[in-house]
């Protein structure tokens, strides 16, 4: 449900107050001076009344509730027009002796406002659905292209290798230009997996559980990133575990390494440590990046959240990557921990420190 715009509330014919005591001035009748001096705001506390039911406050002013976009507001500070009624009409309102002559006009405005908002919301949802459908087709077409190129590259490597069984060694011995193309396409494959999850977040928890040699998979990703990074990226530790997890693990690693590479200060080492602890494997990504205080650590995984310093370093970010990383981690039944050393160094008005993202994996079939 989209929020009702403040501009719409400010077009109310009469002054409104919401349950949080926010005031919206009317365009026909502005807020009553008596209401401005009122500290109690009793009208905003009257929750259990039907819409358009007139009530009188202790200041002898009238108010009534209306509902806009499923939220309660109160038209308040109104003059009681009962005394202005002809004698024959007063009998209708003799019990309460309260009457507001423009009540029907406010009803019409309220109904019209809700109707317009409903139509706008429907149009937004239809437009969003159309765009998502178009994006899905576009992404699918692009994926077909790079997947075809990647498969052809892999076939070429197999056919031109002395020992096809040792595929990793075949890749290492490629011509440097071909190796660069191969790594670039591989990187594109991981980038589009992120796009897939942005377009369809539910897909994060999909996918078959399969055996993945953790160290080998991370090492491959590190080599790909090293080919495009100005920083030195290293993998340390020792791991022999083969865990049964989803391929989304690779997207998680891609996001965290990409994040470290994007925000690390230039010419610094990015260290990825992989270490086994029995049937579990711990992974950490450490970089010399903007310092994170406790508040930043709480917010960093929120969707669309970006620290001010992050905007200075990389203006093109959207605040989606770490949000997706956190969602993937949940689907893999692990939690990402963030640590930032207290030792800081200010460079170009930005505080830098050693920042580490870490998590521990276990097989999902256990």
Protein backbone atom coordinates (compact mmCIF):
# COMPACT_ATOMS: atom_id res chain seq x y z
CA UNK A 1 0.00 0.00 0.00
CA UNK A 2 1.45 3.36 -1.04
CA UNK A 3 1.45 6.22 1.45
CA UNK A 4 -0.96 9.11 1.05
CA UNK A 5 1.06 12.12 -0.08
CA UNK A 6 1.38 15.05 2.35
CA UNK A 7 0.29 17.37 -0.47
CA UNK A 8 -3.05 15.54 -0.58
CA UNK A 9 -3.59 16.02 3.15
CA UNK A 10 -2.80 19.70 2.81
CA UNK A 11 -5.60 20.02 0.23
CA UNK A 12 -8.18 19.11 2.83
CA UNK A 13 -10.98 21.71 2.96
CA UNK A 14 -10.70 21.77 6.75
CA UNK A 15 -7.85 21.26 9.23
CA UNK A 16 -6.84 17.67 9.99
CA UNK A 17 -4.99 16.08 12.88
CA UNK A 18 -3.77 12.48 12.91
CA UNK A 19 -3.26 10.05 15.79
CA UNK A 20 0.33 11.27 16.22
CA UNK A 21 -0.94 14.88 16.59
CA UNK A 22 0.46 16.02 13.23
CA UNK A 23 -1.55 19.02 11.96
CA UNK A 24 -2.52 19.65 8.31
CA UNK A 25 -3.99 23.11 7.69
CA UNK A 26 -7.23 23.40 5.74
CA UNK A 27 -7.57 25.44 2.53
CA UNK A 28 -11.12 26.68 3.31
CA UNK A 29 -10.84 26.95 7.07
CA UNK A 30 -7.44 27.07 8.74
CA UNK A 31 -6.75 25.64 12.17
CA UNK A 32 -8.76 27.30 14.92
CA UNK A 33 -6.60 29.56 17.15
CA UNK A 34 -8.10 27.81 20.17
CA UNK A 35 -6.76 24.48 18.83
CA UNK A 36 -3.29 25.94 18.44
CA UNK A 37 -3.23 26.68 22.16
CA UNK A 38 -4.68 23.30 23.11
CA UNK A 39 -2.06 20.98 24.59
CA UNK A 40 -4.31 17.99 25.25
CA UNK A 41 -5.49 17.48 21.63
CA UNK A 42 -8.30 15.24 22.92
CA UNK A 43 -9.79 14.99 19.42
CA UNK A 44 -6.78 12.95 18.23
CA UNK A 45 -7.29 10.43 21.05
CA UNK A 46 -10.87 9.51 20.18
CA UNK A 47 -10.28 6.25 18.31
CA UNK A 48 -13.50 4.29 18.75
CA UNK A 49 -15.99 6.42 16.85
CA UNK A 50 -17.48 5.96 13.41
CA UNK A 51 -16.43 8.22 10.55
CA UNK A 52 -18.38 11.51 10.26
CA UNK A 53 -19.88 11.17 13.75
CA UNK A 54 -19.80 14.65 15.28
CA UNK A 55 -18.28 15.07 18.73
CA UNK A 56 -17.71 18.11 20.93
CA UNK A 57 -14.49 18.72 22.82
CA UNK A 58 -14.07 20.48 26.18
CA UNK A 59 -13.37 23.72 24.26
CA UNK A 60 -16.92 23.55 22.82
CA UNK A 61 -15.56 22.93 19.33
CA UNK A 62 -16.72 20.15 17.01
CA UNK A 63 -14.65 17.41 15.45
CA UNK A 64 -15.22 14.14 13.61
CA UNK A 65 -13.17 11.26 12.27
CA UNK A 66 -12.50 10.48 8.60
CA UNK A 67 -10.48 7.63 7.04
CA UNK A 68 -7.99 8.34 4.24
CA UNK A 69 -6.07 5.41 2.77
CA UNK A 70 -7.04 3.24 5.77
CA UNK A 71 -5.63 5.75 8.29
CA UNK A 72 -7.61 7.81 10.77
CA UNK A 73 -7.65 11.62 10.72
CA UNK A 74 -9.83 14.11 12.57
CA UNK A 75 -11.40 17.24 11.12
CA UNK A 76 -11.29 19.50 14.17
CA UNK A 77 -11.75 22.99 15.60
CA UNK A 78 -15.15 23.47 13.95
CA UNK A 79 -17.88 25.93 14.92
CA UNK A 80 -21.15 24.40 16.10
CA UNK A 81 -23.77 25.51 13.55
CA UNK A 82 -26.71 24.17 15.56
CA UNK A 83 -27.72 27.65 16.71
CA UNK A 84 -27.94 28.84 13.08
CA UNK A 85 -30.49 26.20 12.08
CA UNK A 86 -34.14 27.12 11.46
CA UNK A 87 -36.45 26.05 14.31
CA UNK A 88 -38.00 23.22 12.26
CA UNK A 89 -34.55 21.71 11.49
CA UNK A 90 -33.29 21.90 15.05
CA UNK A 91 -35.63 19.05 16.02
CA UNK A 92 -33.46 16.61 14.01
CA UNK A 93 -30.42 17.40 16.15
CA UNK A 94 -32.17 18.24 19.41
CA UNK A 95 -30.62 15.34 21.36
CA UNK A 96 -26.94 16.29 20.93
CA UNK A 97 -27.48 19.91 19.90
CA UNK A 98 -24.49 19.78 17.56
CA UNK A 99 -24.46 20.35 13.81
CA UNK A 100 -21.82 21.14 11.19
CA UNK A 101 -23.25 22.53 7.95
CA UNK A 102 -20.39 21.39 5.69
CA UNK A 103 -20.32 17.74 6.82
CA UNK A 104 -21.59 16.40 3.48
CA UNK A 105 -18.99 18.43 1.58
CA UNK A 106 -16.22 16.82 3.64
CA UNK A 107 -17.78 13.39 2.97
CA UNK A 108 -17.64 14.03 -0.78
CA UNK A 109 -14.00 15.20 -0.57
CA UNK A 110 -13.02 12.16 1.51
CA UNK A 111 -14.69 9.69 -0.86
CA UNK A 112 -13.18 11.39 -3.91
CA UNK A 113 -9.69 11.43 -2.35
CA UNK A 114 -9.86 7.73 -1.50
CA UNK A 115 -11.17 6.92 -4.97
CA UNK A 116 -8.37 8.85 -6.70
CA UNK A 117 -5.71 7.30 -4.45
CA UNK A 118 -7.07 3.82 -5.13
CA UNK A 119 -6.87 4.40 -8.89
CA UNK A 120 -3.33 5.79 -8.61
CA UNK A 121 -2.24 2.81 -6.51
CA UNK A 122 -3.76 0.39 -9.06
CA UNK A 123 -1.91 2.16 -11.89
CA UNK A 124 1.36 1.98 -9.95
CA UNK A 125 0.94 -1.76 -9.33
CA UNK A 126 0.05 -2.38 -12.99
CA UNK A 127 3.04 -0.34 -14.17
CA UNK A 128 5.35 -2.15 -11.74
CA UNK A 129 4.05 -5.51 -12.93
CA UNK A 130 4.61 -4.54 -16.58
CA UNK A 131 8.14 -3.29 -15.88
CA UNK A 132 9.03 -6.42 -13.92
CA UNK A 133 7.74 -8.59 -16.75
CA UNK A 134 9.74 -6.58 -19.32
CA UNK A 135 12.86 -6.70 -17.14
CA UNK A 136 12.49 -10.44 -16.72
CA UNK A 137 12.39 -10.97 -20.49
CA UNK A 138 15.34 -8.60 -20.99
CA UNK A 139 17.43 -10.31 -18.30
CA UNK A 140 16.58 -13.73 -19.73
CA UNK A 141 17.73 -12.66 -23.22
CA UNK A 142 21.01 -11.22 -21.91
CA UNK A 143 21.68 -14.36 -19.84
CA UNK A 144 21.21 -16.53 -22.93
CA UNK A 145 23.85 -14.49 -24.76
CA UNK A 146 26.57 -14.57 -22.08
CA UNK A 147 25.79 -18.20 -21.21
CA UNK A 148 26.30 -19.15 -24.86
CA UNK A 149 29.63 -17.29 -24.95
CA UNK A 150 30.74 -18.86 -21.67
CA UNK A 151 29.87 -22.39 -22.84
CA UNK A 152 31.77 -21.85 -26.10
CA UNK A 153 34.78 -20.62 -24.12
CA UNK A 154 34.63 -23.71 -21.91
CA UNK A 155 34.42 -25.99 -24.97
CA UNK A 156 37.42 -24.20 -26.47
CA UNK A 157 39.41 -24.73 -23.27
CA UNK A 158 38.59 -28.46 -23.18
CA UNK A 159 39.43 -28.97 -26.85
CA UNK A 160 42.76 -27.13 -26.65
CA UNK A 161 44.10 -28.58 -23.42
CA UNK A 162 46.64 -31.39 -23.07
CA UNK A 163 44.89 -32.78 -20.01
CA UNK A 164 41.15 -31.89 -20.12
CA UNK A 165 40.58 -33.63 -16.78
CA UNK A 166 42.67 -30.93 -15.07
CA UNK A 167 40.34 -28.07 -16.08
CA UNK A 168 41.72 -25.55 -13.59
CA UNK A 169 45.24 -25.96 -14.94
CA UNK A 170 43.88 -25.63 -18.48
CA UNK A 171 42.39 -22.27 -17.54
CA UNK A 172 45.66 -21.07 -15.96
CA UNK A 173 47.55 -21.87 -19.17
CA UNK A 174 45.21 -19.91 -21.44
CA UNK A 175 46.49 -17.04 -23.53
CA UNK A 176 46.30 -13.91 -21.31
CA UNK A 177 43.75 -12.21 -23.58
CA UNK A 178 41.49 -15.28 -23.69
CA UNK A 179 41.86 -15.68 -19.93
CA UNK A 180 40.74 -12.07 -19.49
CA UNK A 181 37.65 -12.67 -21.65
CA UNK A 182 36.84 -15.88 -19.77
CA UNK A 183 37.08 -14.18 -16.37
CA UNK A 184 35.03 -11.18 -17.52
CA UNK A 185 32.21 -13.42 -18.74
CA UNK A 186 32.35 -15.47 -15.54
CA UNK A 187 32.07 -12.24 -13.54
CA UNK A 188 29.08 -11.21 -15.65
CA UNK A 189 27.40 -14.50 -14.80
CA UNK A 190 27.67 -13.74 -11.09
CA UNK A 191 26.52 -10.15 -11.59
CA UNK A 192 23.36 -11.30 -13.33
CA UNK A 193 22.62 -13.73 -10.51
CA UNK A 194 22.37 -10.62 -8.29
CA UNK A 195 20.03 -8.98 -10.83
CA UNK A 196 17.90 -12.16 -10.79
CA UNK A 197 17.46 -11.90 -7.04
CA UNK A 198 16.63 -8.19 -7.22
CA UNK A 199 13.88 -8.94 -9.75
CA UNK A 200 12.68 -12.04 -7.89
CA UNK A 201 13.72 -12.08 -4.19
CA UNK A 202 11.69 -15.26 -3.56
CA UNK A 203 14.18 -17.15 -5.75
CA UNK A 204 16.81 -16.77 -3.01
CA UNK A 205 15.38 -19.74 -1.15
CA UNK A 206 14.96 -21.82 -4.31
CA UNK A 207 17.55 -24.00 -5.99
CA UNK A 208 18.70 -27.53 -5.41
CA UNK A 209 21.11 -28.41 -2.63
CA UNK A 210 24.35 -29.70 -4.13
CA UNK A 211 27.90 -30.50 -2.98
CA UNK A 212 30.28 -27.54 -3.21
CA UNK A 213 33.98 -27.60 -2.33
CA UNK A 214 34.04 -24.32 -0.46
CA UNK A 215 37.73 -23.39 -0.72
CA UNK A 216 37.91 -24.22 -4.41
CA UNK A 217 34.74 -22.23 -5.20
CA UNK A 218 35.94 -19.16 -3.28
CA UNK A 219 39.43 -19.39 -4.82
CA UNK A 220 37.90 -19.35 -8.31
CA UNK A 221 35.92 -16.21 -7.46
CA UNK A 222 39.00 -14.54 -5.97
CA UNK A 223 40.95 -15.17 -9.19
CA UNK A 224 38.18 -13.63 -11.26
CA UNK A 225 38.03 -10.51 -9.08
CA UNK A 226 41.80 -10.16 -9.00
CA UNK A 227 41.78 -9.77 -12.78
CA UNK A 228 39.71 -6.55 -12.53
CA UNK A 229 40.71 -5.18 -9.12
CA UNK A 230 43.32 -2.51 -8.39
CA UNK A 231 43.65 -3.97 -4.90
CA UNK A 232 45.44 -7.17 -4.04
CA UNK A 233 42.93 -9.91 -3.20
CA UNK A 234 44.20 -12.98 -1.39
CA UNK A 235 42.69 -16.17 -0.06
CA UNK A 236 44.13 -17.60 3.16
CA UNK A 237 43.41 -20.50 5.49
CA UNK A 238 42.85 -24.15 4.80
CA UNK A 239 39.63 -25.93 3.99
CA UNK A 240 38.77 -29.36 2.62
CA UNK A 241 35.05 -29.40 3.41
CA UNK A 242 32.52 -30.19 0.75
CA UNK A 243 29.20 -28.83 1.98
CA UNK A 244 25.73 -29.50 0.63
CA UNK A 245 24.36 -26.01 0.00
CA UNK A 246 22.71 -23.94 -2.74
CA UNK A 247 24.54 -22.16 -5.56
CA UNK A 248 23.27 -18.89 -4.05
CA UNK A 249 26.34 -19.22 -1.79
CA UNK A 250 28.41 -18.05 -4.76
CA UNK A 251 26.21 -14.97 -5.14
CA UNK A 252 26.67 -14.24 -1.44
CA UNK A 253 30.45 -14.43 -1.83
CA UNK A 254 30.32 -12.33 -5.00
CA UNK A 255 28.40 -9.56 -3.21
CA UNK A 256 30.71 -9.49 -0.18
CA UNK A 257 33.93 -9.51 -2.24
CA UNK A 258 32.50 -6.93 -4.64
CA UNK A 259 31.50 -4.74 -1.67
CA UNK A 260 35.01 -4.99 -0.19
CA UNK A 261 36.58 -4.26 -3.57
CA UNK A 262 34.32 -1.27 -4.18
CA UNK A 263 34.82 0.45 -0.81
CA UNK A 264 38.35 -0.59 0.14
CA UNK A 265 40.93 2.17 0.07
CA UNK A 266 43.14 1.93 -3.03
CA UNK A 267 46.19 -0.33 -3.06
CA UNK A 268 45.12 -2.19 0.09
CA UNK A 269 44.91 -5.95 0.54
CA UNK A 270 41.52 -7.63 0.67
CA UNK A 271 41.84 -10.89 2.56
CA UNK A 272 39.38 -13.80 2.32
CA UNK A 273 39.97 -16.45 4.97
CA UNK A 274 38.38 -19.91 4.65
CA UNK A 275 38.79 -22.35 7.53
CA UNK A 276 37.17 -25.62 8.57
CA UNK A 277 35.89 -26.32 12.08
CA UNK A 278 34.80 -29.93 11.92
CA UNK A 279 31.79 -30.12 9.61
CA UNK A 280 31.48 -26.32 9.52
CA UNK A 281 33.39 -23.82 7.40
CA UNK A 282 34.02 -20.27 8.53
CA UNK A 283 34.55 -17.53 5.94
CA UNK A 284 35.65 -13.94 6.54
CA UNK A 285 36.24 -11.04 4.15
CA UNK A 286 38.46 -8.26 5.53
CA UNK A 287 39.21 -4.96 3.82
CA UNK A 288 40.48 -1.49 4.72
CA UNK A 289 37.13 0.26 4.30
CA UNK A 290 35.04 3.03 5.89
CA UNK A 291 34.71 2.59 9.65
CA UNK A 292 31.35 1.28 10.88
CA UNK A 293 30.02 2.28 14.30
CA UNK A 294 27.38 0.24 16.15
CA UNK A 295 24.51 2.15 14.56
CA UNK A 296 25.92 1.60 11.07
CA UNK A 297 26.28 -2.12 11.76
CA UNK A 298 22.56 -2.29 12.59
CA UNK A 299 21.51 -0.47 9.43
CA UNK A 300 23.97 -1.76 6.86
CA UNK A 301 21.81 -4.70 5.79
CA UNK A 302 18.63 -2.64 5.41
CA UNK A 303 17.25 -2.37 1.91
CA UNK A 304 18.33 0.85 0.11
CA UNK A 305 20.44 1.98 3.09
CA UNK A 306 23.74 3.63 2.25
CA UNK A 307 26.20 5.32 4.57
CA UNK A 308 27.12 8.90 3.65
CA UNK A 309 30.76 7.93 3.18
CA UNK A 310 29.67 5.13 0.81
CA UNK A 311 27.93 7.71 -1.37
CA UNK A 312 31.19 9.69 -1.54
CA UNK A 313 33.23 6.66 -2.60
CA UNK A 314 30.77 5.02 -5.02
CA UNK A 315 27.92 7.29 -6.12
CA UNK A 316 26.35 4.61 -8.32
CA UNK A 317 25.42 2.21 -5.49
CA UNK A 318 21.78 1.40 -4.75
CA UNK A 319 21.94 -0.08 -1.25
CA UNK A 320 20.71 -3.47 -2.50
CA UNK A 321 23.82 -5.69 -2.40
CA UNK A 322 24.26 -6.19 1.34
CA UNK A 323 20.50 -6.49 1.80
CA UNK A 324 20.50 -9.41 -0.67
CA UNK A 325 23.61 -10.89 0.94
CA UNK A 326 21.84 -10.95 4.28
CA UNK A 327 18.73 -12.57 2.76
CA UNK A 328 20.88 -15.23 1.06
CA UNK A 329 22.70 -15.90 4.34
CA UNK A 330 19.34 -16.49 6.04
CA UNK A 331 18.38 -18.99 3.32
CA UNK A 332 21.70 -20.78 3.95
CA UNK A 333 20.89 -20.86 7.70
CA UNK A 334 23.78 -18.65 8.71
CA UNK A 335 24.27 -15.10 9.97
CA UNK A 336 26.65 -12.44 8.70
CA UNK A 337 28.64 -10.77 11.48
CA UNK A 338 30.24 -7.35 10.98
CA UNK A 339 33.31 -6.14 12.85
CA UNK A 340 35.15 -2.84 12.52
CA UNK A 341 38.39 -2.25 14.42
CA UNK A 342 38.46 0.77 16.72
CA UNK A 343 41.74 1.99 15.22
CA UNK A 344 40.78 4.56 12.58
CA UNK A 345 42.68 6.59 10.01
CA UNK A 346 41.07 9.64 8.40
CA UNK A 347 41.69 9.95 4.65
CA UNK A 348 39.86 12.56 2.54
CA UNK A 349 37.48 13.23 5.46
CA UNK A 350 36.53 9.54 5.67
CA UNK A 351 37.44 7.32 8.65
CA UNK A 352 38.96 4.02 7.49
CA UNK A 353 39.46 0.85 9.52
CA UNK A 354 39.80 -2.90 9.04
CA UNK A 355 36.24 -4.07 8.40
CA UNK A 356 35.35 -7.77 8.43
CA UNK A 357 32.23 -9.58 7.26
CA UNK A 358 32.12 -13.18 8.46
CA UNK A 359 29.77 -16.15 8.57
CA UNK A 360 29.85 -19.91 9.18
CA UNK A 361 28.39 -22.48 6.78
CA UNK A 362 27.02 -25.94 7.45
CA UNK A 363 25.45 -28.45 5.09
CA UNK A 364 21.74 -27.77 4.63
CA UNK A 365 20.86 -31.47 4.56
CA UNK A 366 22.15 -32.13 8.09
